[in-house]
Amino acid sequence: MLKIHKSSFIHESCFIDSNVSIDENVKIWHFCHILSNVKIGANSSFGQNCVIGPNIKIGSGVKVQNNVSIFEGVEIEDDVFIGPSVVFSNVLNPRAFINRKNEYKKTLLEKGCSLGAGVVVVCGSSIGKYALIGAGCVVKGEVKAHALMVGNPMRQIGWVDKSGIKLEFKDDYAWSENDQCGYILKDHKLEESN
């Protein structure tokens, strides 16, 4: 069953398969293909030439830029930003002559994280809430919440607030004017503080 909210916009060049649910105020631009068993949350948008699915749930407020394919095994929470030409994988050791669809590894993008242009996400990775991954990084493993990651090989160069601004610390404490809250660095993790 195809369920598309009347307030959503889908360009006429797109293909939408059966059993797809698209919530309100979603925008899907030119030449996209939404495969079966996909659920897209409200206020999300997809640039041109995206392939989504099958069997994927995408949260609300997600922004996917041009030329991104999101495969089965990838889970995307609310308010995630995925830059142009980001690449996801779902099998660690692909072979053209071996079917490994039963070996997909879960990849998790937690609420509010952002991936810059051309980021490659190796399957089985998880990116924490509000983390910011710089353009061109290769993500493998776990990225901590609010971590600022750059380079290839990827390395952490700091911490960011919810709005993506780098935090400056004094005695393991930082105040964010944007968030109007403080952050405490404890055991190599960032925690919000009132």
Protein backbone atom coordinates (compact mmCIF):
# COMPACT_ATOMS: atom_id res chain seq x y z
CA MET A 1 0.00 0.00 0.00
CA LEU A 2 1.34 3.41 -0.99
CA LYS A 3 0.70 6.17 1.54
CA ILE A 4 1.82 9.70 0.62
CA HIS A 5 0.67 12.70 2.65
CA LYS A 6 -1.06 15.29 0.47
CA SER A 7 1.30 18.07 1.65
CA SER A 8 4.38 16.25 0.33
CA PHE A 9 6.02 17.00 -3.01
CA ILE A 10 7.39 14.25 -5.24
CA HIS A 11 8.87 15.23 -8.60
CA GLU A 12 7.27 13.53 -11.58
CA SER A 13 10.60 11.92 -12.58
CA CYS A 14 10.71 9.83 -9.37
CA PHE A 15 9.81 6.17 -8.92
CA ILE A 16 7.97 5.18 -5.74
CA ASP A 17 7.52 1.44 -5.16
CA SER A 18 4.67 -0.23 -3.28
CA ASN A 19 4.34 -0.32 0.50
CA VAL A 20 5.94 3.10 1.03
CA SER A 21 4.84 5.62 3.65
CA ILE A 22 5.74 9.29 3.19
CA ASP A 23 4.70 11.67 5.97
CA GLU A 24 3.74 15.35 5.70
CA ASN A 25 5.84 18.09 4.08
CA VAL A 26 8.39 15.71 2.55
CA LYS A 27 10.19 16.86 -0.62
CA ILE A 28 11.65 14.34 -3.06
CA TRP A 29 13.39 15.90 -6.06
CA HIS A 30 14.35 14.74 -9.56
CA PHE A 31 15.25 11.13 -10.47
CA CYS A 32 14.89 9.55 -7.04
CA HIS A 33 13.80 5.96 -6.43
CA ILE A 34 12.09 4.98 -3.18
CA LEU A 35 12.02 1.19 -2.89
CA SER A 36 9.46 -0.94 -1.05
CA ASN A 37 8.97 -0.99 2.71
CA VAL A 38 10.36 2.49 3.27
CA LYS A 39 8.94 4.90 5.84
CA ILE A 40 9.94 8.57 5.62
CA GLY A 41 9.21 10.96 8.49
CA ALA A 42 7.73 14.44 8.24
CA ASN A 43 9.65 17.47 6.97
CA SER A 44 12.40 15.41 5.33
CA SER A 45 13.92 16.18 1.94
CA PHE A 46 15.89 14.31 -0.71
CA GLY A 47 17.96 15.97 -3.42
CA GLN A 48 18.12 14.64 -6.93
CA ASN A 49 19.32 11.14 -7.85
CA CYS A 50 18.80 9.42 -4.47
CA VAL A 51 17.95 5.75 -3.97
CA ILE A 52 16.32 4.82 -0.66
CA GLY A 53 15.64 1.30 0.55
CA PRO A 54 14.30 -1.25 0.64
CA ASN A 55 13.24 -1.85 4.25
CA ILE A 56 14.35 1.46 5.74
CA LYS A 57 12.93 3.85 8.30
CA ILE A 58 14.01 7.47 8.04
CA GLY A 59 13.17 9.89 10.84
CA SER A 60 11.60 13.34 10.66
CA GLY A 61 13.50 16.45 9.60
CA VAL A 62 16.16 14.46 7.73
CA LYS A 63 17.98 16.28 4.89
CA VAL A 64 19.59 14.10 2.22
CA GLN A 65 21.55 15.93 -0.49
CA ASN A 66 22.11 14.86 -4.13
CA ASN A 67 23.48 11.47 -5.23
CA VAL A 68 23.02 9.44 -2.05
CA SER A 69 21.96 5.79 -1.87
CA ILE A 70 20.71 4.57 1.50
CA PHE A 71 20.65 0.78 1.60
CA GLU A 72 18.91 -1.79 3.77
CA GLY A 73 20.65 -1.99 7.14
CA VAL A 74 20.99 1.80 7.57
CA GLU A 75 18.85 3.37 10.32
CA ILE A 76 18.43 7.15 10.39
CA GLU A 77 16.97 9.01 13.36
CA ASP A 78 15.43 12.52 13.36
CA ASP A 79 17.18 15.71 12.16
CA VAL A 80 20.13 13.97 10.45
CA PHE A 81 21.98 15.80 7.63
CA ILE A 82 23.56 13.70 4.87
CA GLY A 83 25.74 15.68 2.49
CA PRO A 84 26.04 15.17 -1.27
CA SER A 85 27.55 11.93 -2.54
CA VAL A 86 27.75 10.28 0.90
CA VAL A 87 28.28 6.52 0.48
CA PHE A 88 26.85 3.76 2.68
CA SER A 89 27.68 0.06 2.55
CA ASN A 90 25.84 -2.87 4.09
CA VAL A 91 28.21 -5.85 3.62
CA LEU A 92 31.81 -5.97 4.88
CA ASN A 93 33.21 -8.35 2.26
CA PRO A 94 31.10 -8.10 -0.93
CA ARG A 95 31.59 -10.47 -3.84
CA ALA A 96 29.63 -10.30 -7.10
CA PHE A 97 29.35 -14.09 -7.16
CA ILE A 98 28.19 -14.57 -3.53
CA ASN A 99 24.77 -13.49 -2.24
CA ARG A 100 25.30 -11.98 1.23
CA LYS A 101 21.90 -10.36 1.79
CA ASN A 102 21.59 -12.26 5.07
CA GLU A 103 24.85 -10.68 6.31
CA TYR A 104 23.86 -7.00 6.26
CA LYS A 105 25.43 -5.05 9.13
CA LYS A 106 23.39 -2.38 10.90
CA THR A 107 24.55 1.21 10.58
CA LEU A 108 23.02 3.80 12.93
CA LEU A 109 22.90 7.57 12.46
CA GLU A 110 21.63 9.07 15.70
CA LYS A 111 19.53 12.22 16.10
CA GLY A 112 21.00 15.45 14.78
CA CYS A 113 24.30 14.13 13.42
CA SER A 114 25.72 15.56 10.17
CA LEU A 115 27.82 13.95 7.44
CA GLY A 116 29.74 16.20 5.07
CA ALA A 117 30.10 15.74 1.32
CA GLY A 118 31.66 12.50 0.14
CA VAL A 119 31.74 10.77 3.53
CA VAL A 120 32.00 6.97 3.30
CA VAL A 121 30.25 5.03 6.09
CA VAL A 122 31.44 1.44 6.50
CA CYS A 123 28.59 -0.83 7.54
CA GLY A 124 28.34 -1.70 11.21
CA SER A 125 29.28 1.85 12.24
CA SER A 126 27.32 4.13 14.55
CA ILE A 127 27.42 7.92 14.60
CA GLY A 128 26.35 9.51 17.88
CA LYS A 129 23.87 12.32 18.46
CA TYR A 130 24.91 15.70 17.04
CA ALA A 131 28.31 14.41 15.86
CA LEU A 132 29.77 16.33 12.92
CA ILE A 133 31.70 14.36 10.30
CA GLY A 134 33.82 16.49 7.95
CA ALA A 135 33.79 16.07 4.18
CA GLY A 136 35.67 13.08 2.79
CA CYS A 137 36.00 11.09 6.02
CA VAL A 138 35.78 7.31 6.09
CA VAL A 139 33.68 6.31 9.12
CA LYS A 140 34.42 2.92 10.63
CA GLY A 141 33.26 1.96 14.11
CA GLU A 142 31.67 4.18 16.73
CA VAL A 143 31.66 7.97 16.68
CA LYS A 144 30.79 9.57 20.02
CA ALA A 145 27.92 12.00 20.48
CA HIS A 146 28.93 15.63 19.70
CA ALA A 147 32.34 14.52 18.32
CA LEU A 148 33.95 16.67 15.61
CA MET A 149 35.67 14.32 13.15
CA VAL A 150 37.88 15.23 10.18
CA GLY A 151 40.47 13.79 7.81
CA ASN A 152 41.30 10.44 6.31
CA PRO A 153 42.11 8.48 8.32
CA MET A 154 39.39 10.07 10.40
CA ARG A 155 40.34 11.59 13.75
CA GLN A 156 38.56 13.61 16.41
CA ILE A 157 39.64 17.25 16.74
CA GLY A 158 37.07 18.46 19.25
CA TRP A 159 33.44 18.60 20.29
CA VAL A 160 30.46 20.51 18.90
CA ASP A 161 27.20 21.77 20.37
CA LYS A 162 23.78 20.88 18.93
CA SER A 163 24.11 23.62 16.31
CA GLY A 164 27.47 22.29 15.10
CA ILE A 165 29.67 25.02 16.63
CA LYS A 166 32.98 23.88 18.10
CA LEU A 167 33.01 24.06 21.90
CA GLU A 168 35.82 25.71 23.87
CA PHE A 169 36.52 24.11 27.25
CA LYS A 170 37.86 25.36 30.54
CA ASP A 171 38.37 22.71 33.22
CA ASP A 172 36.28 20.22 31.19
CA TYR A 173 33.32 22.64 30.99
CA ALA A 174 32.00 24.57 27.99
CA TRP A 175 29.05 26.92 27.62
CA SER A 176 27.09 27.10 24.35
CA GLU A 177 25.39 30.41 23.59
CA ASN A 178 23.53 28.70 20.73
CA ASP A 179 22.08 25.94 22.91
CA GLN A 180 21.89 28.05 26.08
CA CYS A 181 23.32 25.16 28.05
CA GLY A 182 26.62 23.88 29.34
CA TYR A 183 28.57 20.76 28.44
CA ILE A 184 30.81 18.70 30.69
CA LEU A 185 33.57 16.43 29.42
CA LYS A 186 33.56 13.28 31.54
CA ASP A 187 35.32 9.97 30.82
CA HIS A 188 35.96 11.05 27.17
CA LYS A 189 32.23 11.68 26.62
CA LEU A 190 30.24 14.88 26.44
CA GLU A 191 27.24 15.43 28.71
CA GLU A 192 24.79 18.32 28.84
CA SER A 193 24.78 20.32 32.06
CA ASN A 194 22.22 22.89 33.29
